[in-house]
Amino acid sequence: MPEKILSVVMPVYNEKNTILKIIDKVLKLNIVKELIIVDDGSTDGTREILKASALDSRVKVILHERNSGKGAALRTGFKAVTGEIVTVQDADLEYDPNEFIEMIRPIEDGVADVVYGSRLSGGKPQRVHMFWHKMGNTVITFTMNLIFNSTLSDIETCYKMFRRKVIDGIEIRSNDFSVEPELTAKILKDKRLRIYEVPISYYGRSYAEGKKISWKHGFGALWSIFKYRFVN
């Protein structure tokens, strides 16, 4: 049986329709040591579901009293991890936790410290999605690569996996979705880190289906790239 070494941090905000389904999918993986759920002030009944459910012993639920943003939820969750390797799982069903099996291999093989799951490098199922979202991500990723001399294809992906010592060395300042470029900028600034990408599937949802990030967050992402080029 594979060793349980993976800590999964799940920021949650108003995901009552998918929360139990995604918990089940994560816990089916034998490599998962713990699932740390941070409910970021949900008001749709999500936290009531979490409180009322008989959850696996590997699950730890942390409740924020008010909504503070994805960055704030990750900051809380990362402080609670105990596994050797750490990753992030959104509470919707856009990402398939089975991808963790491929993502963890470069770290287990000793060649990587950080692995990104890329939705844009091909080879896996991709829902035909919103053009302007893809263009926004392309611009943000291009800017990041230009400034940090890197070749990432998808910095806005949720699926980022790290050796725990990597995330322990990063102080997250962003409270909102700007946490994605902040994390990437701080990882790229550390030239000692070995960063890899693997292709992942992506089952994106529409706004009618509950998608929260919008084009407006792109401006914050671009500002974060320039900000964290110079700020730790």
C-alpha atoms as a PDB file:
ATOM      1  CA  MET A   1       0.000   0.000   0.000  1.00  0.00           C
ATOM      2  CA  PRO A   2       1.374   3.475  -0.872  1.00  0.00           C
ATOM      3  CA  GLU A   3       2.667   5.540   2.012  1.00  0.00           C
ATOM      4  CA  LYS A   4       0.301   8.273   3.208  1.00  0.00           C
ATOM      5  CA  ILE A   5       2.460  11.370   2.757  1.00  0.00           C
ATOM      6  CA  LEU A   6       0.183  13.942   1.096  1.00  0.00           C
ATOM      7  CA  SER A   7      -1.536  16.786   2.936  1.00  0.00           C
ATOM      8  CA  VAL A   8      -4.394  18.305   0.934  1.00  0.00           C
ATOM      9  CA  VAL A   9      -5.554  21.819   1.802  1.00  0.00           C
ATOM     10  CA  MET A  10      -9.064  22.664   0.615  1.00  0.00           C
ATOM     11  CA  PRO A  11     -10.298  26.261   0.797  1.00  0.00           C
ATOM     12  CA  VAL A  12     -14.107  26.289   0.715  1.00  0.00           C
ATOM     13  CA  TYR A  13     -16.627  29.046   0.145  1.00  0.00           C
ATOM     14  CA  ASN A  14     -20.280  28.301  -0.637  1.00  0.00           C
ATOM     15  CA  GLU A  15     -19.902  24.852  -2.209  1.00  0.00           C
ATOM     16  CA  LYS A  16     -22.781  22.940  -0.627  1.00  0.00           C
ATOM     17  CA  ASN A  17     -23.562  21.042  -3.838  1.00  0.00           C
ATOM     18  CA  THR A  18     -20.080  19.601  -4.294  1.00  0.00           C
ATOM     19  CA  ILE A  19     -18.354  19.556  -0.898  1.00  0.00           C
ATOM     20  CA  LEU A  20     -19.139  15.965   0.088  1.00  0.00           C
ATOM     21  CA  LYS A  21     -18.434  14.661  -3.424  1.00  0.00           C
ATOM     22  CA  ILE A  22     -14.978  16.233  -3.568  1.00  0.00           C
ATOM     23  CA  ILE A  23     -14.132  15.086  -0.033  1.00  0.00           C
ATOM     24  CA  ASP A  24     -14.961  11.537  -1.069  1.00  0.00           C
ATOM     25  CA  LYS A  25     -12.820  11.774  -4.220  1.00  0.00           C
ATOM     26  CA  VAL A  26      -9.808  13.057  -2.276  1.00  0.00           C
ATOM     27  CA  LEU A  27     -10.041  10.431   0.446  1.00  0.00           C
ATOM     28  CA  LYS A  28     -10.160   7.574  -2.060  1.00  0.00           C
ATOM     29  CA  LEU A  29      -6.472   8.219  -2.738  1.00  0.00           C
ATOM     30  CA  ASN A  30      -4.243   6.014  -0.592  1.00  0.00           C
ATOM     31  CA  ILE A  31      -1.452   8.616  -0.605  1.00  0.00           C
ATOM     32  CA  VAL A  32      -3.573  11.157   1.284  1.00  0.00           C
ATOM     33  CA  LYS A  33      -2.494  11.511   4.897  1.00  0.00           C
ATOM     34  CA  GLU A  34      -4.871  14.349   5.765  1.00  0.00           C
ATOM     35  CA  LEU A  35      -7.451  16.660   4.243  1.00  0.00           C
ATOM     36  CA  ILE A  36      -7.544  20.080   5.855  1.00  0.00           C
ATOM     37  CA  ILE A  37     -10.735  21.928   4.975  1.00  0.00           C
ATOM     38  CA  VAL A  38     -10.882  25.661   5.631  1.00  0.00           C
ATOM     39  CA  ASP A  39     -14.442  26.933   5.335  1.00  0.00           C
ATOM     40  CA  ASP A  40     -14.011  30.611   4.564  1.00  0.00           C
ATOM     41  CA  GLY A  41     -17.247  31.956   6.001  1.00  0.00           C
ATOM     42  CA  SER A  42     -19.719  30.044   3.814  1.00  0.00           C
ATOM     43  CA  THR A  43     -23.323  31.256   4.032  1.00  0.00           C
ATOM     44  CA  ASP A  44     -25.077  28.715   1.780  1.00  0.00           C
ATOM     45  CA  GLY A  45     -25.174  25.816   4.249  1.00  0.00           C
ATOM     46  CA  THR A  46     -21.740  24.370   3.430  1.00  0.00           C
ATOM     47  CA  ARG A  47     -20.425  24.631   6.974  1.00  0.00           C
ATOM     48  CA  GLU A  48     -23.606  23.137   8.363  1.00  0.00           C
ATOM     49  CA  ILE A  49     -23.057  20.159   6.066  1.00  0.00           C
ATOM     50  CA  LEU A  50     -19.474  19.851   7.299  1.00  0.00           C
ATOM     51  CA  LYS A  51     -20.576  20.006  10.931  1.00  0.00           C
ATOM     52  CA  ALA A  52     -23.359  17.454  10.481  1.00  0.00           C
ATOM     53  CA  SER A  53     -21.410  14.905   8.427  1.00  0.00           C
ATOM     54  CA  ALA A  54     -19.532  11.956   9.900  1.00  0.00           C
ATOM     55  CA  LEU A  55     -16.223  12.678   8.213  1.00  0.00           C
ATOM     56  CA  ASP A  56     -13.204  10.400   7.940  1.00  0.00           C
ATOM     57  CA  SER A  57     -10.590  10.684  10.700  1.00  0.00           C
ATOM     58  CA  ARG A  58      -8.159  12.108   8.141  1.00  0.00           C
ATOM     59  CA  VAL A  59     -10.337  15.212   7.757  1.00  0.00           C
ATOM     60  CA  LYS A  60      -9.765  18.345   9.820  1.00  0.00           C
ATOM     61  CA  VAL A  61     -12.250  21.203   9.453  1.00  0.00           C
ATOM     62  CA  ILE A  62     -11.273  24.784  10.293  1.00  0.00           C
ATOM     63  CA  LEU A  63     -13.944  27.492  10.224  1.00  0.00           C
ATOM     64  CA  HIS A  64     -13.330  31.152   9.384  1.00  0.00           C
ATOM     65  CA  GLU A  65     -15.979  33.333  10.977  1.00  0.00           C
ATOM     66  CA  ARG A  66     -16.126  35.601   7.935  1.00  0.00           C
ATOM     67  CA  ASN A  67     -15.161  35.366   4.293  1.00  0.00           C
ATOM     68  CA  SER A  68     -11.566  36.533   3.898  1.00  0.00           C
ATOM     69  CA  GLY A  69     -10.562  35.082   0.527  1.00  0.00           C
ATOM     70  CA  LYS A  70      -8.691  32.120  -0.924  1.00  0.00           C
ATOM     71  CA  GLY A  71      -5.291  33.420   0.168  1.00  0.00           C
ATOM     72  CA  ALA A  72      -6.439  33.753   3.767  1.00  0.00           C
ATOM     73  CA  ALA A  73      -7.884  30.237   3.690  1.00  0.00           C
ATOM     74  CA  LEU A  74      -4.653  28.789   2.299  1.00  0.00           C
ATOM     75  CA  ARG A  75      -2.612  30.638   4.904  1.00  0.00           C
ATOM     76  CA  THR A  76      -4.694  28.983   7.620  1.00  0.00           C
ATOM     77  CA  GLY A  77      -4.586  25.563   5.993  1.00  0.00           C
ATOM     78  CA  PHE A  78      -0.858  25.505   5.306  1.00  0.00           C
ATOM     79  CA  LYS A  79      -0.149  26.214   8.968  1.00  0.00           C
ATOM     80  CA  ALA A  80      -2.026  23.043   9.934  1.00  0.00           C
ATOM     81  CA  VAL A  81      -0.379  20.529   7.588  1.00  0.00           C
ATOM     82  CA  THR A  82       1.775  17.663   8.864  1.00  0.00           C
ATOM     83  CA  GLY A  83       2.481  15.679   5.681  1.00  0.00           C
ATOM     84  CA  GLU A  84       5.799  15.650   3.829  1.00  0.00           C
ATOM     85  CA  ILE A  85       4.158  16.895   0.625  1.00  0.00           C
ATOM     86  CA  VAL A  86       1.407  19.518   0.383  1.00  0.00           C
ATOM     87  CA  THR A  87      -1.106  20.346  -2.339  1.00  0.00           C
ATOM     88  CA  VAL A  88      -4.278  22.373  -2.873  1.00  0.00           C
ATOM     89  CA  GLN A  89      -7.725  21.151  -3.899  1.00  0.00           C
ATOM     90  CA  ASP A  90     -10.613  23.461  -4.735  1.00  0.00           C
ATOM     91  CA  ALA A  91     -13.988  22.428  -3.333  1.00  0.00           C
ATOM     92  CA  ASP A  92     -15.754  22.318  -6.693  1.00  0.00           C
ATOM     93  CA  LEU A  93     -15.370  19.519  -9.227  1.00  0.00           C
ATOM     94  CA  GLU A  94     -13.249  21.361 -11.806  1.00  0.00           C
ATOM     95  CA  TYR A  95     -10.138  19.385 -10.859  1.00  0.00           C
ATOM     96  CA  ASP A  96      -9.775  15.621 -10.459  1.00  0.00           C
ATOM     97  CA  PRO A  97      -7.749  14.531  -7.380  1.00  0.00           C
ATOM     98  CA  ASN A  98      -6.607  11.431  -9.265  1.00  0.00           C
ATOM     99  CA  GLU A  99      -4.138  13.761 -10.995  1.00  0.00           C
ATOM    100  CA  PHE A 100      -2.181  13.851  -7.719  1.00  0.00           C
ATOM    101  CA  ILE A 101      -0.845  10.380  -8.528  1.00  0.00           C
ATOM    102  CA  GLU A 102       1.062  11.755 -11.533  1.00  0.00           C
ATOM    103  CA  MET A 103       1.964  15.051  -9.908  1.00  0.00           C
ATOM    104  CA  ILE A 104       3.596  13.499  -6.867  1.00  0.00           C
ATOM    105  CA  ARG A 105       5.959  11.248  -8.849  1.00  0.00           C
ATOM    106  CA  PRO A 106       8.640  13.857  -9.691  1.00  0.00           C
ATOM    107  CA  ILE A 107       8.778  14.791  -6.004  1.00  0.00           C
ATOM    108  CA  GLU A 108       8.906  11.182  -4.812  1.00  0.00           C
ATOM    109  CA  ASP A 109      11.568  10.430  -7.434  1.00  0.00           C
ATOM    110  CA  GLY A 110      13.705  13.204  -5.962  1.00  0.00           C
ATOM    111  CA  VAL A 111      13.845  15.399  -9.068  1.00  0.00           C
ATOM    112  CA  ALA A 112      11.320  18.107  -8.092  1.00  0.00           C
ATOM    113  CA  ASP A 113      10.547  20.355  -5.140  1.00  0.00           C
ATOM    114  CA  VAL A 114       7.444  21.888  -6.726  1.00  0.00           C
ATOM    115  CA  VAL A 115       5.051  20.479  -9.336  1.00  0.00           C
ATOM    116  CA  TYR A 116       2.356  22.440 -11.163  1.00  0.00           C
ATOM    117  CA  GLY A 117      -0.598  20.731 -12.810  1.00  0.00           C
ATOM    118  CA  SER A 118      -1.030  22.499 -16.138  1.00  0.00           C
ATOM    119  CA  ARG A 119      -4.425  22.724 -17.778  1.00  0.00           C
ATOM    120  CA  LEU A 120      -2.856  24.203 -20.914  1.00  0.00           C
ATOM    121  CA  SER A 121      -0.066  21.842 -21.881  1.00  0.00           C
ATOM    122  CA  GLY A 122      -2.303  19.285 -23.609  1.00  0.00           C
ATOM    123  CA  GLY A 123      -2.717  15.540 -23.339  1.00  0.00           C
ATOM    124  CA  LYS A 124      -5.668  15.459 -20.932  1.00  0.00           C
ATOM    125  CA  PRO A 125      -9.427  16.195 -21.250  1.00  0.00           C
ATOM    126  CA  GLN A 126     -10.176  19.914 -21.301  1.00  0.00           C
ATOM    127  CA  ARG A 127     -13.639  21.392 -21.272  1.00  0.00           C
ATOM    128  CA  VAL A 128     -14.057  23.942 -24.069  1.00  0.00           C
ATOM    129  CA  HIS A 129     -14.305  27.030 -21.928  1.00  0.00           C
ATOM    130  CA  MET A 130     -14.406  30.812 -21.873  1.00  0.00           C
ATOM    131  CA  PHE A 131     -12.039  32.484 -24.365  1.00  0.00           C
ATOM    132  CA  TRP A 132     -11.337  35.587 -22.290  1.00  0.00           C
ATOM    133  CA  HIS A 133     -10.483  33.534 -19.219  1.00  0.00           C
ATOM    134  CA  LYS A 134      -7.883  31.655 -21.234  1.00  0.00           C
ATOM    135  CA  MET A 135      -6.523  34.876 -22.719  1.00  0.00           C
ATOM    136  CA  GLY A 136      -6.285  36.456 -19.268  1.00  0.00           C
ATOM    137  CA  ASN A 137      -4.386  33.459 -17.925  1.00  0.00           C
ATOM    138  CA  THR A 138      -2.108  33.539 -20.979  1.00  0.00           C
ATOM    139  CA  VAL A 139      -1.252  37.201 -20.395  1.00  0.00           C
ATOM    140  CA  ILE A 140      -0.649  36.667 -16.682  1.00  0.00           C
ATOM    141  CA  THR A 141       1.494  33.586 -17.271  1.00  0.00           C
ATOM    142  CA  PHE A 142       3.482  35.316 -20.047  1.00  0.00           C
ATOM    143  CA  THR A 143       4.168  38.283 -17.761  1.00  0.00           C
ATOM    144  CA  MET A 144       5.328  35.994 -14.976  1.00  0.00           C
ATOM    145  CA  ASN A 145       7.637  34.087 -17.316  1.00  0.00           C
ATOM    146  CA  LEU A 146       9.048  37.293 -18.790  1.00  0.00           C
ATOM    147  CA  ILE A 147       9.867  38.814 -15.421  1.00  0.00           C
ATOM    148  CA  PHE A 148      11.167  35.643 -13.754  1.00  0.00           C
ATOM    149  CA  ASN A 149      12.779  33.990 -16.807  1.00  0.00           C
ATOM    150  CA  SER A 150      10.675  30.840 -16.571  1.00  0.00           C
ATOM    151  CA  THR A 151       8.635  28.616 -18.893  1.00  0.00           C
ATOM    152  CA  LEU A 152       5.473  27.816 -16.920  1.00  0.00           C
ATOM    153  CA  SER A 153       2.296  27.373 -18.961  1.00  0.00           C
ATOM    154  CA  ASP A 154      -0.419  27.860 -16.324  1.00  0.00           C
ATOM    155  CA  ILE A 155       0.337  29.843 -13.162  1.00  0.00           C
ATOM    156  CA  GLU A 156      -3.336  30.246 -12.287  1.00  0.00           C
ATOM    157  CA  THR A 157      -3.871  26.512 -11.859  1.00  0.00           C
ATOM    158  CA  CYS A 158      -5.213  25.392  -8.499  1.00  0.00           C
ATOM    159  CA  TYR A 159      -3.024  22.294  -8.607  1.00  0.00           C
ATOM    160  CA  LYS A 160       0.280  23.270  -7.067  1.00  0.00           C
ATOM    161  CA  MET A 161       2.186  20.639  -5.097  1.00  0.00           C
ATOM    162  CA  PHE A 162       5.184  21.308  -2.845  1.00  0.00           C
ATOM    163  CA  ARG A 163       7.580  19.665  -0.516  1.00  0.00           C
ATOM    164  CA  ARG A 164       6.423  20.889   2.865  1.00  0.00           C
ATOM    165  CA  LYS A 165       9.689  22.724   3.512  1.00  0.00           C
ATOM    166  CA  VAL A 166       8.929  24.896   0.460  1.00  0.00           C
ATOM    167  CA  ILE A 167       5.565  26.116   1.702  1.00  0.00           C
ATOM    168  CA  ASP A 168       6.893  26.468   5.262  1.00  0.00           C
ATOM    169  CA  GLY A 169       9.358  29.015   3.898  1.00  0.00           C
ATOM    170  CA  ILE A 170       6.730  31.207   2.226  1.00  0.00           C
ATOM    171  CA  GLU A 171       4.781  33.906   4.045  1.00  0.00           C
ATOM    172  CA  ILE A 172       1.478  34.399   2.230  1.00  0.00           C
ATOM    173  CA  ARG A 173       0.388  38.040   2.233  1.00  0.00           C
ATOM    174  CA  SER A 174      -2.485  37.970  -0.271  1.00  0.00           C
ATOM    175  CA  ASN A 175      -5.973  37.297   1.037  1.00  0.00           C
ATOM    176  CA  ASP A 176      -7.741  36.905  -2.304  1.00  0.00           C
ATOM    177  CA  PHE A 177      -7.106  35.125  -5.611  1.00  0.00           C
ATOM    178  CA  SER A 178      -3.841  37.057  -5.951  1.00  0.00           C
ATOM    179  CA  VAL A 179      -2.365  34.274  -3.844  1.00  0.00           C
ATOM    180  CA  GLU A 180      -1.788  32.305  -7.074  1.00  0.00           C
ATOM    181  CA  PRO A 181       0.748  34.718  -8.650  1.00  0.00           C
ATOM    182  CA  GLU A 182       2.187  35.485  -5.211  1.00  0.00           C
ATOM    183  CA  LEU A 183       3.015  31.833  -4.573  1.00  0.00           C
ATOM    184  CA  THR A 184       4.470  31.417  -8.051  1.00  0.00           C
ATOM    185  CA  ALA A 185       6.577  34.574  -7.812  1.00  0.00           C
ATOM    186  CA  LYS A 186       8.044  33.532  -4.471  1.00  0.00           C
ATOM    187  CA  ILE A 187       8.767  30.031  -5.728  1.00  0.00           C
ATOM    188  CA  LEU A 188      10.481  31.319  -8.870  1.00  0.00           C
ATOM    189  CA  LYS A 189      12.586  33.764  -6.872  1.00  0.00           C
ATOM    190  CA  ASP A 190      14.198  30.854  -5.040  1.00  0.00           C
ATOM    191  CA  LYS A 191      16.593  29.584  -7.682  1.00  0.00           C
ATOM    192  CA  ARG A 192      17.374  26.497  -5.611  1.00  0.00           C
ATOM    193  CA  LEU A 193      13.901  25.064  -6.181  1.00  0.00           C
ATOM    194  CA  ARG A 194      13.352  22.507  -8.928  1.00  0.00           C
ATOM    195  CA  ILE A 195       9.996  23.214 -10.557  1.00  0.00           C
ATOM    196  CA  TYR A 196       8.166  20.851 -12.905  1.00  0.00           C
ATOM    197  CA  GLU A 197       4.823  20.782 -14.724  1.00  0.00           C
ATOM    198  CA  VAL A 198       2.615  17.837 -15.613  1.00  0.00           C
ATOM    199  CA  PRO A 199      -0.537  17.979 -17.769  1.00  0.00           C
ATOM    200  CA  ILE A 200      -3.858  17.639 -15.952  1.00  0.00           C
ATOM    201  CA  SER A 201      -7.495  17.403 -16.984  1.00  0.00           C
ATOM    202  CA  TYR A 202      -9.819  20.323 -16.349  1.00  0.00           C
ATOM    203  CA  TYR A 203     -13.589  20.236 -16.001  1.00  0.00           C
ATOM    204  CA  GLY A 204     -14.236  23.976 -15.805  1.00  0.00           C
ATOM    205  CA  ARG A 205     -17.613  25.283 -14.808  1.00  0.00           C
ATOM    206  CA  SER A 206     -19.545  28.367 -15.922  1.00  0.00           C
ATOM    207  CA  TYR A 207     -20.722  31.240 -13.750  1.00  0.00           C
ATOM    208  CA  ALA A 208     -24.186  29.683 -13.779  1.00  0.00           C
ATOM    209  CA  GLU A 209     -22.597  26.552 -12.331  1.00  0.00           C
ATOM    210  CA  GLY A 210     -20.856  28.484  -9.555  1.00  0.00           C
ATOM    211  CA  LYS A 211     -17.560  29.805 -10.936  1.00  0.00           C
ATOM    212  CA  LYS A 212     -16.276  32.678  -8.782  1.00  0.00           C
ATOM    213  CA  ILE A 213     -13.131  34.109 -10.363  1.00  0.00           C
ATOM    214  CA  SER A 214     -13.709  36.828 -12.981  1.00  0.00           C
ATOM    215  CA  TRP A 215     -11.690  38.953 -15.399  1.00  0.00           C
ATOM    216  CA  LYS A 216     -11.418  41.654 -12.718  1.00  0.00           C
ATOM    217  CA  HIS A 217      -9.088  39.447 -10.698  1.00  0.00           C
ATOM    218  CA  GLY A 218      -6.615  39.616 -13.585  1.00  0.00           C
ATOM    219  CA  PHE A 219      -5.595  43.157 -12.683  1.00  0.00           C
ATOM    220  CA  GLY A 220      -4.782  42.091  -9.135  1.00  0.00           C
ATOM    221  CA  ALA A 221      -2.785  39.160 -10.483  1.00  0.00           C
ATOM    222  CA  LEU A 222      -0.653  41.384 -12.713  1.00  0.00           C
ATOM    223  CA  TRP A 223      -0.015  43.805  -9.863  1.00  0.00           C
ATOM    224  CA  SER A 224       1.031  40.893  -7.632  1.00  0.00           C
ATOM    225  CA  ILE A 225       3.575  39.714 -10.182  1.00  0.00           C
ATOM    226  CA  PHE A 226       5.355  43.064 -10.171  1.00  0.00           C
ATOM    227  CA  LYS A 227       4.914  43.540  -6.435  1.00  0.00           C
ATOM    228  CA  TYR A 228       6.421  40.201  -5.433  1.00  0.00           C
ATOM    229  CA  ARG A 229       9.308  40.583  -7.819  1.00  0.00           C
ATOM    230  CA  PHE A 230      10.652  43.019  -5.254  1.00  0.00           C
ATOM    231  CA  VAL A 231       8.747  42.212  -2.025  1.00  0.00           C
ATOM    232  CA  ASN A 232       9.121  38.984  -0.041  1.00  0.00           C
END
